[in-house]
Amino acid sequence: MIIFDFSGLINFATDPFGRFGGYLNTNGGIARGAELGLTATPTRTLNLSAAYTYTKAQQRTQQVPGTRRALVVPVHQFSLVATQRVGRRLLINFDFAASSDYIAPIFNPVTFTSRGYRFRGMAKADLGGSYTLPLGSETRSLRFFGYVDNLFDREYFESGFRTPGRTGRAGASFIF
């Protein structure tokens, strides 16, 4: 298991690079769990995919005092993706992801130590669409697309970092 450490596990006098902190290989950990997935096509134009993951992961070397639970690994994760084709040119995609809480290290620059902080789980939905315009032959086309990430503007954190609220992007691609 690779960790980022400033707790003193890295001794700058014996480190081959003279570091006092940074990435460090530890004694590893153990992770056990289960994954379930389902893919279905209820109609010719609708594809559904769902997945669930249960993970129990523990570290052998504590990075944060008081916890052996692997950092930034939620116990439960779920995803659902629905893709609807409308005609031959329009695709609409809905993507939902959720997870349980997780523990992430918070670094204290004064003491050069980390402490564990429990971040609440996330629930996030994204919506996208694309329209493909043929350009005279089967091999050339222009594809217009647009996405809205975090559709419901939920506050959530990834690996301990706050993410933006609702964002959008759009563009076009030329296929030849």
N, C-alpha and C. Protein backbone atom coordinates (compact mmCIF):
# COMPACT_ATOMS: atom_id res chain seq x y z
N MET A 1 0.85 -1.16 0.00
CA MET A 1 0.00 0.00 0.00
C MET A 1 0.90 1.23 0.00
N ILE A 2 0.64 2.15 -0.89
CA ILE A 2 1.43 3.37 -1.00
C ILE A 2 0.67 4.49 -0.29
N ILE A 3 1.38 5.21 0.57
CA ILE A 3 0.75 6.32 1.30
C ILE A 3 1.58 7.58 1.07
N PHE A 4 0.99 8.73 1.38
CA PHE A 4 1.71 9.99 1.40
C PHE A 4 1.90 10.34 2.85
N ASP A 5 3.16 10.49 3.27
CA ASP A 5 3.44 10.59 4.70
C ASP A 5 4.30 11.80 5.04
N PHE A 6 3.92 12.49 6.12
CA PHE A 6 4.73 13.53 6.73
C PHE A 6 4.85 13.29 8.22
N SER A 7 4.54 12.07 8.67
CA SER A 7 4.47 11.79 10.10
C SER A 7 5.83 11.45 10.71
N GLY A 8 6.85 11.31 9.90
CA GLY A 8 8.16 10.94 10.43
C GLY A 8 8.57 9.53 10.05
N LEU A 9 7.71 8.79 9.34
CA LEU A 9 8.10 7.45 8.90
C LEU A 9 9.28 7.52 7.93
N ILE A 10 9.37 8.62 7.18
CA ILE A 10 10.50 8.81 6.27
C ILE A 10 11.55 9.63 7.01
N ASN A 11 12.74 9.05 7.15
CA ASN A 11 13.84 9.73 7.83
C ASN A 11 14.74 10.32 6.75
N PHE A 12 14.86 11.65 6.70
CA PHE A 12 15.63 12.29 5.64
C PHE A 12 17.10 11.89 5.66
N ALA A 13 17.62 11.49 6.83
CA ALA A 13 19.03 11.10 6.92
C ALA A 13 19.28 9.75 6.26
N THR A 14 18.28 8.88 6.23
CA THR A 14 18.47 7.56 5.63
C THR A 14 17.73 7.39 4.31
N ASP A 15 16.88 8.34 3.97
CA ASP A 15 16.14 8.26 2.70
C ASP A 15 17.11 8.49 1.54
N PRO A 16 17.08 7.65 0.52
CA PRO A 16 18.04 7.81 -0.59
C PRO A 16 17.88 9.13 -1.34
N PHE A 17 16.74 9.79 -1.20
CA PHE A 17 16.51 11.06 -1.88
C PHE A 17 16.55 12.26 -0.92
N GLY A 18 16.84 12.01 0.35
CA GLY A 18 16.93 13.07 1.33
C GLY A 18 15.59 13.72 1.67
N ARG A 19 14.51 12.97 1.51
CA ARG A 19 13.18 13.51 1.77
C ARG A 19 12.83 13.43 3.25
N PHE A 20 11.99 14.33 3.71
CA PHE A 20 11.44 14.25 5.06
C PHE A 20 9.96 13.89 5.00
N GLY A 21 9.42 13.76 3.82
CA GLY A 21 8.02 13.37 3.64
C GLY A 21 7.77 13.07 2.18
N GLY A 22 6.69 12.37 1.93
CA GLY A 22 6.33 12.05 0.55
C GLY A 22 5.70 10.67 0.46
N TYR A 23 5.71 10.12 -0.75
CA TYR A 23 5.13 8.79 -0.97
C TYR A 23 6.02 7.71 -0.38
N LEU A 24 5.38 6.70 0.19
CA LEU A 24 6.11 5.66 0.91
C LEU A 24 5.38 4.33 0.75
N ASN A 25 6.15 3.29 0.44
CA ASN A 25 5.58 1.94 0.45
C ASN A 25 5.46 1.48 1.89
N THR A 26 4.32 0.91 2.25
CA THR A 26 4.12 0.40 3.61
C THR A 26 4.09 -1.11 3.58
N ASN A 27 3.75 -1.70 4.71
CA ASN A 27 3.66 -3.15 4.81
C ASN A 27 2.43 -3.72 4.12
N GLY A 28 1.68 -2.87 3.45
CA GLY A 28 0.53 -3.35 2.70
C GLY A 28 -0.74 -3.32 3.52
N GLY A 29 -1.70 -4.02 3.02
CA GLY A 29 -3.00 -4.08 3.66
C GLY A 29 -3.75 -5.27 3.12
N ILE A 30 -4.98 -5.35 3.50
CA ILE A 30 -5.81 -6.43 3.01
C ILE A 30 -7.18 -5.86 2.68
N ALA A 31 -7.71 -6.26 1.55
CA ALA A 31 -9.03 -5.80 1.13
C ALA A 31 -9.84 -7.02 0.68
N ARG A 32 -11.04 -7.07 1.18
CA ARG A 32 -11.96 -8.14 0.79
C ARG A 32 -13.30 -7.51 0.50
N GLY A 33 -14.05 -8.14 -0.36
CA GLY A 33 -15.36 -7.58 -0.67
C GLY A 33 -16.06 -8.37 -1.75
N ALA A 34 -17.05 -7.72 -2.32
CA ALA A 34 -17.84 -8.34 -3.37
C ALA A 34 -18.31 -7.27 -4.34
N GLU A 35 -18.45 -7.67 -5.59
CA GLU A 35 -18.97 -6.77 -6.61
C GLU A 35 -20.11 -7.47 -7.34
N LEU A 36 -21.15 -6.73 -7.59
CA LEU A 36 -22.29 -7.23 -8.35
C LEU A 36 -22.58 -6.27 -9.48
N GLY A 37 -22.88 -6.80 -10.63
CA GLY A 37 -23.20 -5.94 -11.77
C GLY A 37 -24.36 -6.51 -12.56
N LEU A 38 -25.10 -5.63 -13.18
CA LEU A 38 -26.25 -6.03 -13.99
C LEU A 38 -26.30 -5.12 -15.20
N THR A 39 -26.43 -5.73 -16.36
CA THR A 39 -26.62 -4.99 -17.60
C THR A 39 -27.88 -5.51 -18.26
N ALA A 40 -28.73 -4.57 -18.69
CA ALA A 40 -30.00 -4.97 -19.30
C ALA A 40 -30.32 -4.05 -20.46
N THR A 41 -31.05 -4.59 -21.41
CA THR A 41 -31.55 -3.83 -22.55
C THR A 41 -33.06 -4.08 -22.61
N PRO A 42 -33.85 -3.33 -21.81
CA PRO A 42 -35.29 -3.58 -21.76
C PRO A 42 -36.02 -3.27 -23.08
N THR A 43 -35.47 -2.33 -23.86
CA THR A 43 -36.01 -2.05 -25.19
C THR A 43 -34.83 -1.95 -26.15
N ARG A 44 -35.11 -1.90 -27.44
CA ARG A 44 -34.03 -1.82 -28.43
C ARG A 44 -33.24 -0.53 -28.32
N THR A 45 -33.81 0.48 -27.71
CA THR A 45 -33.15 1.79 -27.66
C THR A 45 -32.68 2.19 -26.27
N LEU A 46 -32.88 1.35 -25.27
CA LEU A 46 -32.51 1.68 -23.90
C LEU A 46 -31.53 0.65 -23.34
N ASN A 47 -30.39 1.14 -22.86
CA ASN A 47 -29.40 0.28 -22.19
C ASN A 47 -29.29 0.72 -20.74
N LEU A 48 -29.33 -0.24 -19.83
CA LEU A 48 -29.19 0.03 -18.39
C LEU A 48 -28.02 -0.78 -17.84
N SER A 49 -27.31 -0.17 -16.93
CA SER A 49 -26.20 -0.86 -16.27
C SER A 49 -26.17 -0.40 -14.82
N ALA A 50 -26.09 -1.36 -13.90
CA ALA A 50 -26.02 -1.05 -12.47
C ALA A 50 -24.90 -1.88 -11.86
N ALA A 51 -24.27 -1.31 -10.84
CA ALA A 51 -23.19 -2.02 -10.16
C ALA A 51 -23.18 -1.64 -8.68
N TYR A 52 -22.81 -2.61 -7.85
CA TYR A 52 -22.67 -2.40 -6.41
C TYR A 52 -21.35 -3.04 -5.98
N THR A 53 -20.61 -2.34 -5.12
CA THR A 53 -19.35 -2.86 -4.59
C THR A 53 -19.33 -2.71 -3.07
N TYR A 54 -18.99 -3.80 -2.40
CA TYR A 54 -18.75 -3.79 -0.96
C TYR A 54 -17.27 -4.06 -0.77
N THR A 55 -16.58 -3.19 0.00
CA THR A 55 -15.15 -3.35 0.23
C THR A 55 -14.84 -3.17 1.71
N LYS A 56 -14.17 -4.15 2.29
CA LYS A 56 -13.62 -4.01 3.64
C LYS A 56 -12.11 -4.01 3.47
N ALA A 57 -11.51 -2.82 3.60
CA ALA A 57 -10.07 -2.67 3.37
C ALA A 57 -9.41 -2.10 4.61
N GLN A 58 -8.30 -2.75 5.01
CA GLN A 58 -7.56 -2.31 6.18
C GLN A 58 -6.08 -2.21 5.86
N GLN A 59 -5.40 -1.27 6.52
CA GLN A 59 -3.96 -1.08 6.38
C GLN A 59 -3.23 -1.82 7.49
N ARG A 60 -2.04 -2.31 7.18
CA ARG A 60 -1.21 -2.91 8.24
C ARG A 60 -0.44 -1.83 8.99
N THR A 61 -0.03 -0.78 8.28
CA THR A 61 0.67 0.34 8.89
C THR A 61 -0.29 1.52 8.92
N GLN A 62 -0.56 2.04 10.10
CA GLN A 62 -1.48 3.17 10.21
C GLN A 62 -0.85 4.43 9.66
N GLN A 63 -1.55 5.07 8.75
CA GLN A 63 -1.11 6.37 8.26
C GLN A 63 -1.66 7.47 9.15
N VAL A 64 -2.84 7.23 9.68
CA VAL A 64 -3.50 8.17 10.58
C VAL A 64 -3.71 7.45 11.91
N PRO A 65 -3.23 8.01 13.01
CA PRO A 65 -3.40 7.33 14.30
C PRO A 65 -4.87 7.03 14.61
N GLY A 66 -5.10 5.83 15.11
CA GLY A 66 -6.45 5.46 15.53
C GLY A 66 -7.29 4.75 14.50
N THR A 67 -6.78 4.56 13.29
CA THR A 67 -7.57 3.85 12.29
C THR A 67 -6.70 2.93 11.45
N ARG A 68 -7.19 1.75 11.26
CA ARG A 68 -6.54 0.80 10.35
C ARG A 68 -7.34 0.71 9.05
N ARG A 69 -8.53 1.33 9.05
CA ARG A 69 -9.35 1.33 7.84
C ARG A 69 -8.58 2.02 6.71
N ALA A 70 -8.58 1.41 5.54
CA ALA A 70 -7.89 2.01 4.39
C ALA A 70 -8.50 3.37 4.10
N LEU A 71 -7.63 4.32 3.84
CA LEU A 71 -8.09 5.69 3.63
C LEU A 71 -8.68 5.87 2.24
N VAL A 72 -9.69 6.68 2.16
CA VAL A 72 -10.36 7.09 0.93
C VAL A 72 -10.97 5.90 0.18
N VAL A 73 -11.36 4.87 0.91
CA VAL A 73 -12.04 3.71 0.32
C VAL A 73 -13.39 3.56 1.01
N PRO A 74 -14.47 3.94 0.33
CA PRO A 74 -15.79 3.75 0.96
C PRO A 74 -16.14 2.26 1.04
N VAL A 75 -16.92 1.90 2.03
CA VAL A 75 -17.33 0.51 2.19
C VAL A 75 -18.34 0.12 1.11
N HIS A 76 -19.27 1.03 0.80
CA HIS A 76 -20.33 0.76 -0.19
C HIS A 76 -20.23 1.74 -1.34
N GLN A 77 -20.38 1.23 -2.58
CA GLN A 77 -20.43 2.07 -3.77
C GLN A 77 -21.51 1.53 -4.70
N PHE A 78 -22.22 2.44 -5.36
CA PHE A 78 -23.30 2.04 -6.27
C PHE A 78 -23.27 2.95 -7.49
N SER A 79 -23.57 2.40 -8.65
CA SER A 79 -23.70 3.22 -9.86
C SER A 79 -24.82 2.69 -10.74
N LEU A 80 -25.42 3.62 -11.45
CA LEU A 80 -26.49 3.31 -12.41
C LEU A 80 -26.27 4.17 -13.63
N VAL A 81 -26.25 3.55 -14.81
CA VAL A 81 -26.09 4.29 -16.06
C VAL A 81 -27.24 3.88 -16.98
N ALA A 82 -27.93 4.88 -17.52
CA ALA A 82 -29.01 4.65 -18.48
C ALA A 82 -28.69 5.43 -19.75
N THR A 83 -28.71 4.74 -20.88
CA THR A 83 -28.46 5.38 -22.16
C THR A 83 -29.66 5.13 -23.07
N GLN A 84 -30.28 6.21 -23.51
CA GLN A 84 -31.46 6.14 -24.38
C GLN A 84 -31.08 6.67 -25.76
N ARG A 85 -31.34 5.88 -26.76
CA ARG A 85 -31.13 6.30 -28.14
C ARG A 85 -32.48 6.77 -28.68
N VAL A 86 -32.51 7.97 -29.26
CA VAL A 86 -33.72 8.52 -29.85
C VAL A 86 -33.46 8.66 -31.34
N GLY A 87 -34.09 7.82 -32.12
CA GLY A 87 -33.78 7.80 -33.55
C GLY A 87 -32.39 7.25 -33.77
N ARG A 88 -31.79 7.61 -34.90
CA ARG A 88 -30.45 7.11 -35.21
C ARG A 88 -29.35 8.07 -34.81
N ARG A 89 -29.71 9.31 -34.45
CA ARG A 89 -28.68 10.33 -34.27
C ARG A 89 -28.55 10.90 -32.86
N LEU A 90 -29.56 10.74 -32.03
CA LEU A 90 -29.57 11.38 -30.72
C LEU A 90 -29.38 10.35 -29.60
N LEU A 91 -28.43 10.62 -28.71
CA LEU A 91 -28.19 9.78 -27.52
C LEU A 91 -28.35 10.65 -26.28
N ILE A 92 -29.05 10.10 -25.28
CA ILE A 92 -29.19 10.77 -23.99
C ILE A 92 -28.65 9.81 -22.94
N ASN A 93 -27.80 10.31 -22.04
CA ASN A 93 -27.14 9.47 -21.05
C ASN A 93 -27.35 10.04 -19.64
N PHE A 94 -27.79 9.19 -18.71
CA PHE A 94 -27.94 9.56 -17.31
C PHE A 94 -27.03 8.66 -16.50
N ASP A 95 -26.22 9.26 -15.63
CA ASP A 95 -25.24 8.52 -14.84
C ASP A 95 -25.40 8.92 -13.38
N PHE A 96 -25.67 7.94 -12.51
CA PHE A 96 -25.83 8.20 -11.08
C PHE A 96 -24.79 7.38 -10.32
N ALA A 97 -24.11 8.02 -9.36
CA ALA A 97 -23.12 7.33 -8.53
C ALA A 97 -23.34 7.72 -7.08
N ALA A 98 -23.19 6.76 -6.18
CA ALA A 98 -23.35 7.01 -4.75
C ALA A 98 -22.35 6.15 -3.99
N SER A 99 -21.94 6.66 -2.82
CA SER A 99 -21.03 5.88 -1.97
C SER A 99 -21.30 6.21 -0.52
N SER A 100 -20.83 5.32 0.35
CA SER A 100 -20.93 5.56 1.79
C SER A 100 -19.79 6.48 2.22
N ASP A 101 -19.75 6.81 3.49
CA ASP A 101 -18.70 7.69 3.99
C ASP A 101 -17.33 7.02 3.90
N TYR A 102 -16.29 7.82 4.03
CA TYR A 102 -14.92 7.30 4.01
C TYR A 102 -14.05 8.19 4.88
N ILE A 103 -12.89 7.69 5.24
CA ILE A 103 -11.94 8.44 6.05
C ILE A 103 -10.79 8.88 5.15
N ALA A 104 -10.43 10.16 5.26
CA ALA A 104 -9.30 10.70 4.50
C ALA A 104 -8.38 11.46 5.46
N PRO A 105 -7.10 11.48 5.15
CA PRO A 105 -6.17 12.20 6.02
C PRO A 105 -6.24 13.70 5.78
N ILE A 106 -6.22 14.46 6.86
CA ILE A 106 -6.13 15.91 6.80
C ILE A 106 -4.76 16.29 7.36
N PHE A 107 -3.96 16.96 6.56
CA PHE A 107 -2.59 17.28 6.92
C PHE A 107 -2.54 18.58 7.71
N ASN A 108 -1.80 18.59 8.80
CA ASN A 108 -1.59 19.78 9.62
C ASN A 108 -0.20 20.32 9.30
N PRO A 109 -0.09 21.49 8.64
CA PRO A 109 1.23 22.00 8.25
C PRO A 109 2.06 22.51 9.43
N VAL A 110 1.45 22.71 10.58
CA VAL A 110 2.19 23.17 11.75
C VAL A 110 2.93 22.02 12.42
N THR A 111 2.22 20.90 12.62
CA THR A 111 2.81 19.74 13.30
C THR A 111 3.35 18.69 12.34
N PHE A 112 3.10 18.87 11.05
CA PHE A 112 3.50 17.90 10.02
C PHE A 112 2.95 16.51 10.31
N THR A 113 1.73 16.44 10.80
CA THR A 113 1.06 15.17 11.04
C THR A 113 -0.29 15.19 10.34
N SER A 114 -0.86 14.03 10.20
CA SER A 114 -2.19 13.91 9.62
C SER A 114 -3.13 13.34 10.64
N ARG A 115 -4.39 13.69 10.52
CA ARG A 115 -5.43 13.09 11.34
C ARG A 115 -6.54 12.65 10.40
N GLY A 116 -7.29 11.67 10.85
CA GLY A 116 -8.37 11.16 10.02
C GLY A 116 -9.62 12.02 10.14
N TYR A 117 -10.28 12.24 9.03
CA TYR A 117 -11.54 12.97 9.01
C TYR A 117 -12.54 12.13 8.22
N ARG A 118 -13.72 11.97 8.79
CA ARG A 118 -14.75 11.16 8.13
C ARG A 118 -15.57 12.06 7.21
N PHE A 119 -15.45 11.83 5.91
CA PHE A 119 -16.24 12.56 4.91
C PHE A 119 -17.52 11.78 4.65
N ARG A 120 -18.62 12.49 4.55
CA ARG A 120 -19.88 11.81 4.27
C ARG A 120 -19.87 11.30 2.83
N GLY A 121 -20.67 10.30 2.59
CA GLY A 121 -20.75 9.72 1.27
C GLY A 121 -21.32 10.70 0.26
N MET A 122 -21.24 10.32 -0.98
CA MET A 122 -21.74 11.20 -2.02
C MET A 122 -22.85 10.55 -2.81
N ALA A 123 -23.67 11.40 -3.41
CA ALA A 123 -24.70 10.98 -4.35
C ALA A 123 -24.70 12.02 -5.45
N LYS A 124 -24.38 11.60 -6.66
CA LYS A 124 -24.17 12.54 -7.75
C LYS A 124 -24.80 12.01 -9.02
N ALA A 125 -25.44 12.90 -9.76
CA ALA A 125 -26.06 12.53 -11.04
C ALA A 125 -25.50 13.43 -12.14
N ASP A 126 -25.25 12.84 -13.28
CA ASP A 126 -24.78 13.57 -14.46
C ASP A 126 -25.73 13.28 -15.62
N LEU A 127 -25.88 14.25 -16.51
CA LEU A 127 -26.76 14.10 -17.67
C LEU A 127 -26.02 14.58 -18.90
N GLY A 128 -26.08 13.79 -19.95
CA GLY A 128 -25.39 14.16 -21.18
C GLY A 128 -26.21 13.81 -22.39
N GLY A 129 -25.86 14.42 -23.49
CA GLY A 129 -26.52 14.12 -24.74
C GLY A 129 -25.61 14.41 -25.90
N SER A 130 -25.89 13.77 -27.01
CA SER A 130 -25.12 14.04 -28.22
C SER A 130 -26.02 13.84 -29.44
N TYR A 131 -25.70 14.60 -30.47
CA TYR A 131 -26.41 14.51 -31.74
C TYR A 131 -25.37 14.38 -32.84
N THR A 132 -25.51 13.38 -33.70
CA THR A 132 -24.56 13.14 -34.78
C THR A 132 -25.19 13.55 -36.10
N LEU A 133 -24.51 14.43 -36.81
CA LEU A 133 -24.96 14.92 -38.11
C LEU A 133 -24.08 14.32 -39.20
N PRO A 134 -24.64 13.47 -40.06
CA PRO A 134 -23.84 12.89 -41.14
C PRO A 134 -23.39 13.98 -42.13
N LEU A 135 -22.20 13.79 -42.71
CA LEU A 135 -21.65 14.76 -43.66
C LEU A 135 -21.40 14.11 -45.02
N GLY A 136 -22.44 13.65 -45.65
CA GLY A 136 -22.34 13.15 -47.02
C GLY A 136 -21.91 11.71 -47.19
N SER A 137 -21.20 11.12 -46.23
CA SER A 137 -20.81 9.72 -46.34
C SER A 137 -20.94 9.07 -44.97
N GLU A 138 -20.86 7.74 -44.95
CA GLU A 138 -21.00 7.02 -43.69
C GLU A 138 -19.78 7.20 -42.77
N THR A 139 -18.66 7.58 -43.34
CA THR A 139 -17.45 7.69 -42.54
C THR A 139 -17.21 9.08 -41.97
N ARG A 140 -17.93 10.09 -42.47
CA ARG A 140 -17.73 11.45 -41.97
C ARG A 140 -19.00 11.96 -41.30
N SER A 141 -18.80 12.58 -40.14
CA SER A 141 -19.95 13.16 -39.44
C SER A 141 -19.45 14.22 -38.47
N LEU A 142 -20.40 15.01 -38.00
CA LEU A 142 -20.13 16.03 -37.00
C LEU A 142 -21.00 15.68 -35.80
N ARG A 143 -20.36 15.57 -34.64
CA ARG A 143 -21.08 15.20 -33.42
C ARG A 143 -21.08 16.37 -32.46
N PHE A 144 -22.26 16.82 -32.07
CA PHE A 144 -22.44 17.87 -31.08
C PHE A 144 -22.77 17.19 -29.75
N PHE A 145 -22.19 17.68 -28.65
CA PHE A 145 -22.46 17.04 -27.37
C PHE A 145 -22.54 18.09 -26.27
N GLY A 146 -23.22 17.71 -25.20
CA GLY A 146 -23.32 18.56 -24.03
C GLY A 146 -23.49 17.71 -22.78
N TYR A 147 -22.92 18.14 -21.67
CA TYR A 147 -22.99 17.41 -20.41
C TYR A 147 -23.26 18.39 -19.27
N VAL A 148 -24.01 17.92 -18.30
CA VAL A 148 -24.18 18.63 -17.04
C VAL A 148 -23.71 17.67 -15.96
N ASP A 149 -22.62 18.03 -15.29
CA ASP A 149 -22.08 17.22 -14.20
C ASP A 149 -22.66 17.74 -12.89
N ASN A 150 -22.93 16.83 -11.96
CA ASN A 150 -23.52 17.16 -10.67
C ASN A 150 -24.84 17.90 -10.88
N LEU A 151 -25.70 17.26 -11.62
CA LEU A 151 -26.98 17.82 -12.06
C LEU A 151 -27.78 18.47 -10.93
N PHE A 152 -27.82 17.86 -9.76
CA PHE A 152 -28.62 18.37 -8.65
C PHE A 152 -27.83 19.26 -7.70
N ASP A 153 -26.59 19.66 -8.12
CA ASP A 153 -25.76 20.61 -7.39
C ASP A 153 -25.51 20.19 -5.94
N ARG A 154 -25.18 18.90 -5.74
CA ARG A 154 -24.92 18.37 -4.40
C ARG A 154 -23.47 18.64 -4.01
N GLU A 155 -23.25 18.99 -2.74
CA GLU A 155 -21.89 19.15 -2.24
C GLU A 155 -21.33 17.77 -1.91
N TYR A 156 -20.14 17.47 -2.42
CA TYR A 156 -19.49 16.21 -2.08
C TYR A 156 -17.98 16.38 -2.23
N PHE A 157 -17.24 15.41 -1.71
CA PHE A 157 -15.79 15.46 -1.69
C PHE A 157 -15.24 14.20 -2.34
N GLU A 158 -14.15 14.35 -3.09
CA GLU A 158 -13.45 13.20 -3.68
C GLU A 158 -12.03 13.18 -3.10
N SER A 159 -11.67 12.08 -2.48
CA SER A 159 -10.36 11.93 -1.85
C SER A 159 -10.05 13.06 -0.88
N GLY A 160 -11.09 13.57 -0.23
CA GLY A 160 -10.91 14.63 0.75
C GLY A 160 -10.95 16.04 0.18
N PHE A 161 -11.10 16.18 -1.12
CA PHE A 161 -11.12 17.49 -1.75
C PHE A 161 -12.54 17.84 -2.20
N ARG A 162 -12.96 19.08 -1.92
CA ARG A 162 -14.29 19.54 -2.32
C ARG A 162 -14.34 19.65 -3.84
N THR A 163 -15.45 19.21 -4.40
CA THR A 163 -15.64 19.26 -5.84
C THR A 163 -16.49 20.48 -6.21
N PRO A 164 -16.48 20.87 -7.47
CA PRO A 164 -17.33 21.99 -7.88
C PRO A 164 -18.80 21.61 -7.80
N GLY A 165 -19.64 22.61 -7.81
CA GLY A 165 -21.08 22.35 -7.87
C GLY A 165 -21.45 21.91 -9.28
N ARG A 166 -22.63 22.29 -9.70
CA ARG A 166 -23.08 21.93 -11.05
C ARG A 166 -22.18 22.59 -12.08
N THR A 167 -21.72 21.81 -13.04
CA THR A 167 -20.91 22.34 -14.13
C THR A 167 -21.43 21.79 -15.45
N GLY A 168 -21.14 22.49 -16.50
CA GLY A 168 -21.55 22.04 -17.83
C GLY A 168 -20.44 22.19 -18.83
N ARG A 169 -20.53 21.42 -19.85
CA ARG A 169 -19.56 21.52 -20.95
C ARG A 169 -20.27 21.10 -22.23
N ALA A 170 -19.80 21.65 -23.31
CA ALA A 170 -20.39 21.34 -24.62
C ALA A 170 -19.29 21.45 -25.65
N GLY A 171 -19.54 20.82 -26.78
CA GLY A 171 -18.54 20.88 -27.83
C GLY A 171 -19.00 20.16 -29.07
N ALA A 172 -18.09 20.02 -29.98
CA ALA A 172 -18.36 19.32 -31.24
C ALA A 172 -17.11 18.55 -31.62
N SER A 173 -17.30 17.45 -32.29
CA SER A 173 -16.17 16.68 -32.80
C SER A 173 -16.44 16.28 -34.24
N PHE A 174 -15.40 16.31 -35.02
CA PHE A 174 -15.47 15.92 -36.43
C PHE A 174 -14.95 14.50 -36.55
N ILE A 175 -15.75 13.63 -37.11
CA ILE A 175 -15.39 12.22 -37.23
C ILE A 175 -15.12 11.93 -38.71
N PHE A 176 -13.95 11.37 -39.01
CA PHE A 176 -13.62 11.04 -40.39
C PHE A 176 -12.84 9.76 -40.47
